[in-house]
Amino acid sequence: MGSNVFTDELEVAKRLARQAAEVINRVYAGAFDVVQKAGGGGPVTEADKRANELIVNGLKKAFPTDEIVAEESTHVAPKGNRVWFVDPLDGTREFVDRNGMFAVHIGLAIDGKAVAGVVLAPVHGACWSGAQGAPCVLELGDERRELTMQPVKHTKDLRLVVSRSHKSSKTAAIRDALGITQTKEQGSVGLKCALLAMGEADLYLHPSTMSNRWDSCAPQAVIEAAGGMLVDFNGDAYGYEGREIVNGRGLVGCHRDTWAMIEHAAKKFGPTAQG
């Protein structure tokens, strides 16, 4: 699998993400209704639903034997080894607030591992892609740039990016324990991981159970291609077999060499830590 750079999969995912972005932007430009999902599942709009349908139908046409787990579709546990995870609009709260901090996520997992992914920001069109055996690439207009994360030597120099919508005292405790002084708020898991890949942030902390596999699959593939990692607060990667959906142990994103510096604090204050 290392020699397979997933060229076809990435091209299809980028094309569908761009088409979904056009749909999202049309809704974003006008008035739209917001419905709250049952059970505290958060808001959903017509943009979520239309983009979801477009992406799912496109993936089915391009890869008819693959299975799909998409946020706005009925969830059926997949049985095969190739599974697409789709968040048609990651950051719906940000979409509703009209701050531009939302993204399209299309990720592919094989044998439970995130292997290819695309994150696209509809407002300005930036597209980040990555896969096993392929580089992390940023495409924006005529620009095409390969991205490689750089390690930070001291925890006090880490630039932290956190959720704009989900505040957490655990995040503040980890920040203080590590001596971090630089913090930025950002919507969307994918856009936070994009900041890491571009070298504009060094650490992403989400010590909450409020994310799902479709939030993390594509960003994980992107950040891993840039030399980073997206794991739980124990330092373990999530499995993408599709039977478990909730990221119940939070999310940590950083350069691979950074984990050893933050491990103790992450485990002490993570979402499953006692006290």
C-alpha atoms as a PDB file:
ATOM      1  CA  MET A   1       0.000   0.000   0.000  1.00  0.00           C
ATOM      2  CA  GLY A   2       2.980   2.328   0.510  1.00  0.00           C
ATOM      3  CA  SER A   3       3.600   2.548  -3.237  1.00  0.00           C
ATOM      4  CA  ASN A   4      -0.012   3.482  -3.934  1.00  0.00           C
ATOM      5  CA  VAL A   5      -0.310   7.267  -3.804  1.00  0.00           C
ATOM      6  CA  PHE A   6      -4.091   7.128  -4.272  1.00  0.00           C
ATOM      7  CA  THR A   7      -3.995   9.477  -7.265  1.00  0.00           C
ATOM      8  CA  ASP A   8      -7.445   8.561  -8.562  1.00  0.00           C
ATOM      9  CA  GLU A   9      -9.038   8.719  -5.122  1.00  0.00           C
ATOM     10  CA  LEU A  10      -7.574  12.153  -4.385  1.00  0.00           C
ATOM     11  CA  GLU A  11      -8.592  13.571  -7.763  1.00  0.00           C
ATOM     12  CA  VAL A  12     -12.173  12.373  -7.325  1.00  0.00           C
ATOM     13  CA  ALA A  13     -12.309  13.663  -3.745  1.00  0.00           C
ATOM     14  CA  LYS A  14     -10.951  17.083  -4.774  1.00  0.00           C
ATOM     15  CA  ARG A  15     -13.410  17.359  -7.646  1.00  0.00           C
ATOM     16  CA  LEU A  16     -16.353  16.457  -5.424  1.00  0.00           C
ATOM     17  CA  ALA A  17     -15.170  18.774  -2.643  1.00  0.00           C
ATOM     18  CA  ARG A  18     -15.008  21.680  -5.095  1.00  0.00           C
ATOM     19  CA  GLN A  19     -18.462  20.884  -6.444  1.00  0.00           C
ATOM     20  CA  ALA A  20     -19.812  20.650  -2.889  1.00  0.00           C
ATOM     21  CA  ALA A  21     -18.181  23.993  -2.078  1.00  0.00           C
ATOM     22  CA  GLU A  22     -20.121  25.615  -4.935  1.00  0.00           C
ATOM     23  CA  VAL A  23     -23.364  24.270  -3.473  1.00  0.00           C
ATOM     24  CA  ILE A  24     -22.403  25.424   0.025  1.00  0.00           C
ATOM     25  CA  ASN A  25     -21.434  28.901  -1.143  1.00  0.00           C
ATOM     26  CA  ARG A  26     -24.744  29.370  -2.950  1.00  0.00           C
ATOM     27  CA  VAL A  27     -26.630  28.612   0.266  1.00  0.00           C
ATOM     28  CA  TYR A  28     -24.199  30.719   2.290  1.00  0.00           C
ATOM     29  CA  ALA A  29     -24.839  33.751   0.097  1.00  0.00           C
ATOM     30  CA  GLY A  30     -28.541  33.878   0.945  1.00  0.00           C
ATOM     31  CA  ALA A  31     -30.970  33.270   3.759  1.00  0.00           C
ATOM     32  CA  PHE A  32     -31.228  29.721   5.061  1.00  0.00           C
ATOM     33  CA  ASP A  33     -33.042  27.797   7.768  1.00  0.00           C
ATOM     34  CA  VAL A  34     -31.220  26.123  10.647  1.00  0.00           C
ATOM     35  CA  VAL A  35     -32.575  22.960  12.263  1.00  0.00           C
ATOM     36  CA  GLN A  36     -31.217  21.440  15.467  1.00  0.00           C
ATOM     37  CA  LYS A  37     -30.566  17.715  15.264  1.00  0.00           C
ATOM     38  CA  ALA A  38     -32.221  15.468  17.821  1.00  0.00           C
ATOM     39  CA  GLY A  39     -30.249  14.499  20.901  1.00  0.00           C
ATOM     40  CA  GLY A  40     -28.043  17.582  20.912  1.00  0.00           C
ATOM     41  CA  GLY A  41     -26.436  16.689  17.597  1.00  0.00           C
ATOM     42  CA  GLY A  42     -25.964  20.324  16.645  1.00  0.00           C
ATOM     43  CA  PRO A  43     -27.304  22.414  13.782  1.00  0.00           C
ATOM     44  CA  VAL A  44     -27.909  21.306  10.211  1.00  0.00           C
ATOM     45  CA  THR A  45     -28.740  23.387   7.144  1.00  0.00           C
ATOM     46  CA  GLU A  46     -29.721  22.866   3.522  1.00  0.00           C
ATOM     47  CA  ALA A  47     -26.045  23.283   2.641  1.00  0.00           C
ATOM     48  CA  ASP A  48     -25.105  20.241   4.755  1.00  0.00           C
ATOM     49  CA  LYS A  49     -27.780  18.098   3.131  1.00  0.00           C
ATOM     50  CA  ARG A  50     -27.166  19.136  -0.473  1.00  0.00           C
ATOM     51  CA  ALA A  51     -23.393  18.797  -0.202  1.00  0.00           C
ATOM     52  CA  ASN A  52     -23.784  15.421   1.489  1.00  0.00           C
ATOM     53  CA  GLU A  53     -25.969  14.110  -1.339  1.00  0.00           C
ATOM     54  CA  LEU A  54     -23.611  15.403  -4.025  1.00  0.00           C
ATOM     55  CA  ILE A  55     -20.515  13.854  -2.462  1.00  0.00           C
ATOM     56  CA  VAL A  56     -22.107  10.508  -1.622  1.00  0.00           C
ATOM     57  CA  ASN A  57     -23.575  10.124  -5.119  1.00  0.00           C
ATOM     58  CA  GLY A  58     -20.243  11.069  -6.677  1.00  0.00           C
ATOM     59  CA  LEU A  59     -18.300   8.564  -4.613  1.00  0.00           C
ATOM     60  CA  LYS A  60     -20.796   5.810  -5.394  1.00  0.00           C
ATOM     61  CA  LYS A  61     -20.413   6.488  -9.099  1.00  0.00           C
ATOM     62  CA  ALA A  62     -16.607   6.627  -9.015  1.00  0.00           C
ATOM     63  CA  PHE A  63     -16.027   3.740  -6.594  1.00  0.00           C
ATOM     64  CA  PRO A  64     -19.171   1.563  -6.665  1.00  0.00           C
ATOM     65  CA  THR A  65     -17.760  -1.202  -4.448  1.00  0.00           C
ATOM     66  CA  ASP A  66     -16.548   1.150  -1.708  1.00  0.00           C
ATOM     67  CA  GLU A  67     -18.683   1.900   1.333  1.00  0.00           C
ATOM     68  CA  ILE A  68     -19.517   5.351   2.685  1.00  0.00           C
ATOM     69  CA  VAL A  69     -20.125   6.758   6.148  1.00  0.00           C
ATOM     70  CA  ALA A  70     -21.433  10.322   5.806  1.00  0.00           C
ATOM     71  CA  GLU A  71     -22.684  12.643   8.523  1.00  0.00           C
ATOM     72  CA  GLU A  72     -26.020  13.465   6.914  1.00  0.00           C
ATOM     73  CA  SER A  73     -26.751   9.922   5.703  1.00  0.00           C
ATOM     74  CA  THR A  74     -28.302   6.993   7.533  1.00  0.00           C
ATOM     75  CA  HIS A  75     -25.504   5.250   9.399  1.00  0.00           C
ATOM     76  CA  VAL A  76     -24.990   1.614   8.474  1.00  0.00           C
ATOM     77  CA  ALA A  77     -21.896  -0.182   9.778  1.00  0.00           C
ATOM     78  CA  PRO A  78     -19.745  -1.013   6.738  1.00  0.00           C
ATOM     79  CA  LYS A  79     -18.556  -4.548   6.077  1.00  0.00           C
ATOM     80  CA  GLY A  80     -15.817  -3.941   3.526  1.00  0.00           C
ATOM     81  CA  ASN A  81     -12.226  -2.797   3.921  1.00  0.00           C
ATOM     82  CA  ARG A  82     -12.519   0.443   1.875  1.00  0.00           C
ATOM     83  CA  VAL A  83     -14.664   3.056   3.596  1.00  0.00           C
ATOM     84  CA  TRP A  84     -15.109   6.748   2.791  1.00  0.00           C
ATOM     85  CA  PHE A  85     -15.848   9.126   5.666  1.00  0.00           C
ATOM     86  CA  VAL A  86     -17.627  12.308   4.617  1.00  0.00           C
ATOM     87  CA  ASP A  87     -18.370  15.481   6.530  1.00  0.00           C
ATOM     88  CA  PRO A  88     -20.016  17.649   3.895  1.00  0.00           C
ATOM     89  CA  LEU A  89     -19.804  20.760   6.076  1.00  0.00           C
ATOM     90  CA  ASP A  90     -17.486  20.554   9.074  1.00  0.00           C
ATOM     91  CA  GLY A  91     -18.182  23.597  11.205  1.00  0.00           C
ATOM     92  CA  THR A  92     -21.893  24.116  10.675  1.00  0.00           C
ATOM     93  CA  ARG A  93     -21.994  26.433  13.704  1.00  0.00           C
ATOM     94  CA  GLU A  94     -19.374  28.591  11.989  1.00  0.00           C
ATOM     95  CA  PHE A  95     -21.408  28.468   8.772  1.00  0.00           C
ATOM     96  CA  VAL A  96     -24.470  29.686  10.682  1.00  0.00           C
ATOM     97  CA  ASP A  97     -22.381  32.439  12.312  1.00  0.00           C
ATOM     98  CA  ARG A  98     -21.056  33.374   8.840  1.00  0.00           C
ATOM     99  CA  ASN A  99     -17.401  33.578   9.893  1.00  0.00           C
ATOM    100  CA  GLY A 100     -16.005  31.397   7.088  1.00  0.00           C
ATOM    101  CA  MET A 101     -14.449  28.819   9.418  1.00  0.00           C
ATOM    102  CA  PHE A 102     -15.925  25.674   7.849  1.00  0.00           C
ATOM    103  CA  ALA A 103     -14.708  22.995   5.468  1.00  0.00           C
ATOM    104  CA  VAL A 104     -15.603  19.985   3.341  1.00  0.00           C
ATOM    105  CA  HIS A 105     -13.998  16.700   4.485  1.00  0.00           C
ATOM    106  CA  ILE A 106     -13.677  13.613   2.268  1.00  0.00           C
ATOM    107  CA  GLY A 107     -11.458  10.862   3.658  1.00  0.00           C
ATOM    108  CA  LEU A 108     -10.728   7.271   2.702  1.00  0.00           C
ATOM    109  CA  ALA A 109      -9.887   4.521   5.167  1.00  0.00           C
ATOM    110  CA  ILE A 110      -8.565   1.092   4.220  1.00  0.00           C
ATOM    111  CA  ASP A 111      -8.457  -1.716   6.746  1.00  0.00           C
ATOM    112  CA  GLY A 112      -9.396   0.775   9.458  1.00  0.00           C
ATOM    113  CA  LYS A 113      -6.629   3.293   8.730  1.00  0.00           C
ATOM    114  CA  ALA A 114      -7.025   6.786   7.280  1.00  0.00           C
ATOM    115  CA  VAL A 115      -5.009   6.656   4.053  1.00  0.00           C
ATOM    116  CA  ALA A 116      -6.171   9.583   1.893  1.00  0.00           C
ATOM    117  CA  GLY A 117      -8.027  12.788   2.509  1.00  0.00           C
ATOM    118  CA  VAL A 118      -9.125  16.150   1.195  1.00  0.00           C
ATOM    119  CA  VAL A 119     -10.059  19.211   3.240  1.00  0.00           C
ATOM    120  CA  LEU A 120     -11.446  22.186   1.314  1.00  0.00           C
ATOM    121  CA  ALA A 121     -12.434  25.637   2.598  1.00  0.00           C
ATOM    122  CA  PRO A 122     -15.403  26.818   0.495  1.00  0.00           C
ATOM    123  CA  VAL A 123     -15.087  30.543   1.256  1.00  0.00           C
ATOM    124  CA  HIS A 124     -11.605  31.052  -0.217  1.00  0.00           C
ATOM    125  CA  GLY A 125     -11.208  27.780  -2.114  1.00  0.00           C
ATOM    126  CA  ALA A 126      -8.044  26.492  -0.416  1.00  0.00           C
ATOM    127  CA  CYS A 127      -7.700  22.723  -0.746  1.00  0.00           C
ATOM    128  CA  TRP A 128      -5.408  20.529   1.337  1.00  0.00           C
ATOM    129  CA  SER A 129      -4.840  16.918   0.337  1.00  0.00           C
ATOM    130  CA  GLY A 130      -2.640  14.084   1.508  1.00  0.00           C
ATOM    131  CA  ALA A 131      -2.251  10.317   1.355  1.00  0.00           C
ATOM    132  CA  GLN A 132       0.019   7.486   2.321  1.00  0.00           C
ATOM    133  CA  GLY A 133       2.897   7.548  -0.127  1.00  0.00           C
ATOM    134  CA  ALA A 134       2.038  11.072  -1.303  1.00  0.00           C
ATOM    135  CA  PRO A 135       2.900  14.535   0.035  1.00  0.00           C
ATOM    136  CA  CYS A 136       0.594  16.959   1.768  1.00  0.00           C
ATOM    137  CA  VAL A 137      -0.345  19.572  -0.824  1.00  0.00           C
ATOM    138  CA  LEU A 138      -2.023  22.969  -0.591  1.00  0.00           C
ATOM    139  CA  GLU A 139      -3.795  24.172  -3.734  1.00  0.00           C
ATOM    140  CA  LEU A 140      -5.181  27.696  -3.951  1.00  0.00           C
ATOM    141  CA  GLY A 141      -5.806  29.284  -7.330  1.00  0.00           C
ATOM    142  CA  ASP A 142      -2.640  28.801  -9.369  1.00  0.00           C
ATOM    143  CA  GLU A 143      -0.585  27.957  -6.264  1.00  0.00           C
ATOM    144  CA  ARG A 144       0.406  24.374  -5.551  1.00  0.00           C
ATOM    145  CA  ARG A 145       2.689  23.907  -2.557  1.00  0.00           C
ATOM    146  CA  GLU A 146       3.894  20.819  -0.713  1.00  0.00           C
ATOM    147  CA  LEU A 147       3.702  21.158   3.061  1.00  0.00           C
ATOM    148  CA  THR A 148       6.022  19.658   5.667  1.00  0.00           C
ATOM    149  CA  MET A 149       5.569  20.276   9.389  1.00  0.00           C
ATOM    150  CA  GLN A 150       8.559  21.295  11.504  1.00  0.00           C
ATOM    151  CA  PRO A 151       9.086  20.217  15.140  1.00  0.00           C
ATOM    152  CA  VAL A 152       9.278  22.682  18.026  1.00  0.00           C
ATOM    153  CA  LYS A 153      12.025  22.207  20.616  1.00  0.00           C
ATOM    154  CA  HIS A 154      10.312  23.660  23.709  1.00  0.00           C
ATOM    155  CA  THR A 155       6.701  23.401  24.854  1.00  0.00           C
ATOM    156  CA  LYS A 156       6.588  27.113  25.734  1.00  0.00           C
ATOM    157  CA  ASP A 157       7.099  27.872  22.034  1.00  0.00           C
ATOM    158  CA  LEU A 158       4.149  25.784  20.885  1.00  0.00           C
ATOM    159  CA  ARG A 159       1.389  27.738  19.154  1.00  0.00           C
ATOM    160  CA  LEU A 160      -1.921  26.239  20.199  1.00  0.00           C
ATOM    161  CA  VAL A 161      -5.079  26.139  18.091  1.00  0.00           C
ATOM    162  CA  VAL A 162      -8.393  25.336  19.773  1.00  0.00           C
ATOM    163  CA  SER A 163     -12.082  25.194  18.989  1.00  0.00           C
ATOM    164  CA  ARG A 164     -13.975  28.445  18.627  1.00  0.00           C
ATOM    165  CA  SER A 165     -17.291  26.819  19.535  1.00  0.00           C
ATOM    166  CA  HIS A 166     -16.326  24.254  22.183  1.00  0.00           C
ATOM    167  CA  LYS A 167     -14.521  25.869  25.133  1.00  0.00           C
ATOM    168  CA  SER A 168     -12.863  23.563  27.662  1.00  0.00           C
ATOM    169  CA  SER A 169     -11.225  24.003  31.055  1.00  0.00           C
ATOM    170  CA  LYS A 170      -9.141  20.940  30.228  1.00  0.00           C
ATOM    171  CA  THR A 171      -7.591  22.778  27.299  1.00  0.00           C
ATOM    172  CA  ALA A 172      -6.663  25.659  29.602  1.00  0.00           C
ATOM    173  CA  ALA A 173      -5.150  23.217  32.130  1.00  0.00           C
ATOM    174  CA  ILE A 174      -2.953  21.593  29.463  1.00  0.00           C
ATOM    175  CA  ARG A 175      -1.956  24.983  28.075  1.00  0.00           C
ATOM    176  CA  ASP A 176      -0.885  26.185  31.515  1.00  0.00           C
ATOM    177  CA  ALA A 177       0.921  22.937  32.356  1.00  0.00           C
ATOM    178  CA  LEU A 178       2.981  23.232  29.163  1.00  0.00           C
ATOM    179  CA  GLY A 179       3.632  26.951  29.554  1.00  0.00           C
ATOM    180  CA  ILE A 180       1.989  27.798  26.245  1.00  0.00           C
ATOM    181  CA  THR A 181       1.297  31.503  25.720  1.00  0.00           C
ATOM    182  CA  GLN A 182       0.159  31.618  22.083  1.00  0.00           C
ATOM    183  CA  THR A 183      -3.402  30.443  21.387  1.00  0.00           C
ATOM    184  CA  LYS A 184      -5.639  30.834  18.341  1.00  0.00           C
ATOM    185  CA  GLU A 185      -9.317  29.942  17.990  1.00  0.00           C
ATOM    186  CA  GLN A 186     -10.437  28.270  14.771  1.00  0.00           C
ATOM    187  CA  GLY A 187     -13.522  26.445  13.538  1.00  0.00           C
ATOM    188  CA  SER A 188     -13.461  23.012  11.840  1.00  0.00           C
ATOM    189  CA  VAL A 189     -11.163  20.103  12.655  1.00  0.00           C
ATOM    190  CA  GLY A 190      -9.908  20.179   9.080  1.00  0.00           C
ATOM    191  CA  LEU A 191      -8.990  23.860   9.163  1.00  0.00           C
ATOM    192  CA  LYS A 192      -7.166  23.428  12.471  1.00  0.00           C
ATOM    193  CA  CYS A 193      -5.131  20.575  11.005  1.00  0.00           C
ATOM    194  CA  ALA A 194      -4.507  22.730   7.922  1.00  0.00           C
ATOM    195  CA  LEU A 195      -2.958  25.399  10.167  1.00  0.00           C
ATOM    196  CA  LEU A 196      -0.647  22.737  11.582  1.00  0.00           C
ATOM    197  CA  ALA A 197       0.295  21.464   8.137  1.00  0.00           C
ATOM    198  CA  MET A 198       1.069  25.008   6.957  1.00  0.00           C
ATOM    199  CA  GLY A 199       3.251  25.771   9.969  1.00  0.00           C
ATOM    200  CA  GLU A 200       0.880  28.420  11.340  1.00  0.00           C
ATOM    201  CA  ALA A 201       0.207  26.432  14.525  1.00  0.00           C
ATOM    202  CA  ASP A 202       1.960  23.557  16.311  1.00  0.00           C
ATOM    203  CA  LEU A 203      -0.612  21.885  18.550  1.00  0.00           C
ATOM    204  CA  TYR A 204      -4.333  21.186  18.313  1.00  0.00           C
ATOM    205  CA  LEU A 205      -6.200  20.100  21.442  1.00  0.00           C
ATOM    206  CA  HIS A 206      -9.812  18.951  21.580  1.00  0.00           C
ATOM    207  CA  PRO A 207     -10.335  17.273  24.974  1.00  0.00           C
ATOM    208  CA  SER A 208     -13.981  16.469  24.273  1.00  0.00           C
ATOM    209  CA  THR A 209     -16.112  13.595  23.036  1.00  0.00           C
ATOM    210  CA  MET A 210     -17.916  15.975  20.653  1.00  0.00           C
ATOM    211  CA  SER A 211     -16.409  14.827  17.359  1.00  0.00           C
ATOM    212  CA  ASN A 212     -16.875  11.868  15.059  1.00  0.00           C
ATOM    213  CA  ARG A 213     -14.907   9.813  12.556  1.00  0.00           C
ATOM    214  CA  TRP A 214     -16.124  11.904   9.618  1.00  0.00           C
ATOM    215  CA  ASP A 215     -14.631  14.941  11.375  1.00  0.00           C
ATOM    216  CA  SER A 216     -11.185  13.363  11.689  1.00  0.00           C
ATOM    217  CA  CYS A 217     -10.562  10.907   8.824  1.00  0.00           C
ATOM    218  CA  ALA A 218      -9.660  13.379   6.070  1.00  0.00           C
ATOM    219  CA  PRO A 219      -7.737  15.757   8.384  1.00  0.00           C
ATOM    220  CA  GLN A 220      -5.767  12.808   9.757  1.00  0.00           C
ATOM    221  CA  ALA A 221      -4.646  11.755   6.275  1.00  0.00           C
ATOM    222  CA  VAL A 222      -3.692  15.346   5.454  1.00  0.00           C
ATOM    223  CA  ILE A 223      -1.692  16.000   8.609  1.00  0.00           C
ATOM    224  CA  GLU A 224       0.058  12.618   8.493  1.00  0.00           C
ATOM    225  CA  ALA A 225       1.203  13.352   4.932  1.00  0.00           C
ATOM    226  CA  ALA A 226       2.757  16.580   6.282  1.00  0.00           C
ATOM    227  CA  GLY A 227       4.681  14.734   9.004  1.00  0.00           C
ATOM    228  CA  GLY A 228       2.163  15.107  11.793  1.00  0.00           C
ATOM    229  CA  MET A 229      -0.282  12.985  13.730  1.00  0.00           C
ATOM    230  CA  LEU A 230      -3.925  13.175  14.771  1.00  0.00           C
ATOM    231  CA  VAL A 231      -4.559  10.863  17.708  1.00  0.00           C
ATOM    232  CA  ASP A 232      -6.581  10.534  20.889  1.00  0.00           C
ATOM    233  CA  PHE A 233      -5.379  11.792  24.285  1.00  0.00           C
ATOM    234  CA  ASN A 234      -3.599   8.493  24.892  1.00  0.00           C
ATOM    235  CA  GLY A 235      -1.572   8.947  21.718  1.00  0.00           C
ATOM    236  CA  ASP A 236      -3.458   6.211  19.861  1.00  0.00           C
ATOM    237  CA  ALA A 237      -4.894   6.544  16.366  1.00  0.00           C
ATOM    238  CA  TYR A 238      -8.604   5.943  15.963  1.00  0.00           C
ATOM    239  CA  GLY A 239      -9.809   2.988  13.931  1.00  0.00           C
ATOM    240  CA  TYR A 240     -11.946   3.656  10.867  1.00  0.00           C
ATOM    241  CA  GLU A 241     -13.664   0.321  10.401  1.00  0.00           C
ATOM    242  CA  GLY A 242     -16.925   2.271  10.650  1.00  0.00           C
ATOM    243  CA  ARG A 243     -18.582   0.407  13.494  1.00  0.00           C
ATOM    244  CA  GLU A 244     -17.593   3.019  16.091  1.00  0.00           C
ATOM    245  CA  ILE A 245     -18.363   6.605  15.085  1.00  0.00           C
ATOM    246  CA  VAL A 246     -17.710   8.882  18.088  1.00  0.00           C
ATOM    247  CA  ASN A 247     -14.175  10.063  18.855  1.00  0.00           C
ATOM    248  CA  GLY A 248     -14.714   9.408  22.546  1.00  0.00           C
ATOM    249  CA  ARG A 249     -11.129  10.058  23.669  1.00  0.00           C
ATOM    250  CA  GLY A 250     -10.710  13.520  22.170  1.00  0.00           C
ATOM    251  CA  LEU A 251      -8.301  14.689  19.471  1.00  0.00           C
ATOM    252  CA  VAL A 252      -4.675  15.847  19.568  1.00  0.00           C
ATOM    253  CA  GLY A 253      -2.865  17.098  16.491  1.00  0.00           C
ATOM    254  CA  CYS A 254       0.864  17.867  16.349  1.00  0.00           C
ATOM    255  CA  HIS A 255       4.206  17.019  14.737  1.00  0.00           C
ATOM    256  CA  ARG A 256       5.234  13.415  15.411  1.00  0.00           C
ATOM    257  CA  ASP A 257       8.170  14.577  17.567  1.00  0.00           C
ATOM    258  CA  THR A 258       5.945  16.826  19.699  1.00  0.00           C
ATOM    259  CA  TRP A 259       3.881  14.061  21.283  1.00  0.00           C
ATOM    260  CA  ALA A 260       6.648  13.016  23.679  1.00  0.00           C
ATOM    261  CA  MET A 261       6.775  16.570  25.071  1.00  0.00           C
ATOM    262  CA  ILE A 262       3.041  16.863  25.696  1.00  0.00           C
ATOM    263  CA  GLU A 263       2.123  13.250  26.502  1.00  0.00           C
ATOM    264  CA  HIS A 264       2.075  13.621  30.278  1.00  0.00           C
ATOM    265  CA  ALA A 265      -0.175  16.684  30.251  1.00  0.00           C
ATOM    266  CA  ALA A 266      -2.450  15.216  27.589  1.00  0.00           C
ATOM    267  CA  LYS A 267      -3.020  12.031  29.556  1.00  0.00           C
ATOM    268  CA  LYS A 268      -3.456  13.927  32.843  1.00  0.00           C
ATOM    269  CA  PHE A 269      -6.134  16.305  31.549  1.00  0.00           C
ATOM    270  CA  GLY A 270      -7.684  14.384  28.661  1.00  0.00           C
ATOM    271  CA  PRO A 271     -11.434  13.752  28.325  1.00  0.00           C
ATOM    272  CA  THR A 272     -11.278  10.360  30.038  1.00  0.00           C
ATOM    273  CA  ALA A 273      -8.901  11.445  32.850  1.00  0.00           C
ATOM    274  CA  GLN A 274     -10.239  11.152  36.377  1.00  0.00           C
ATOM    275  CA  GLY A 275     -10.642  14.219  38.567  1.00  0.00           C
END
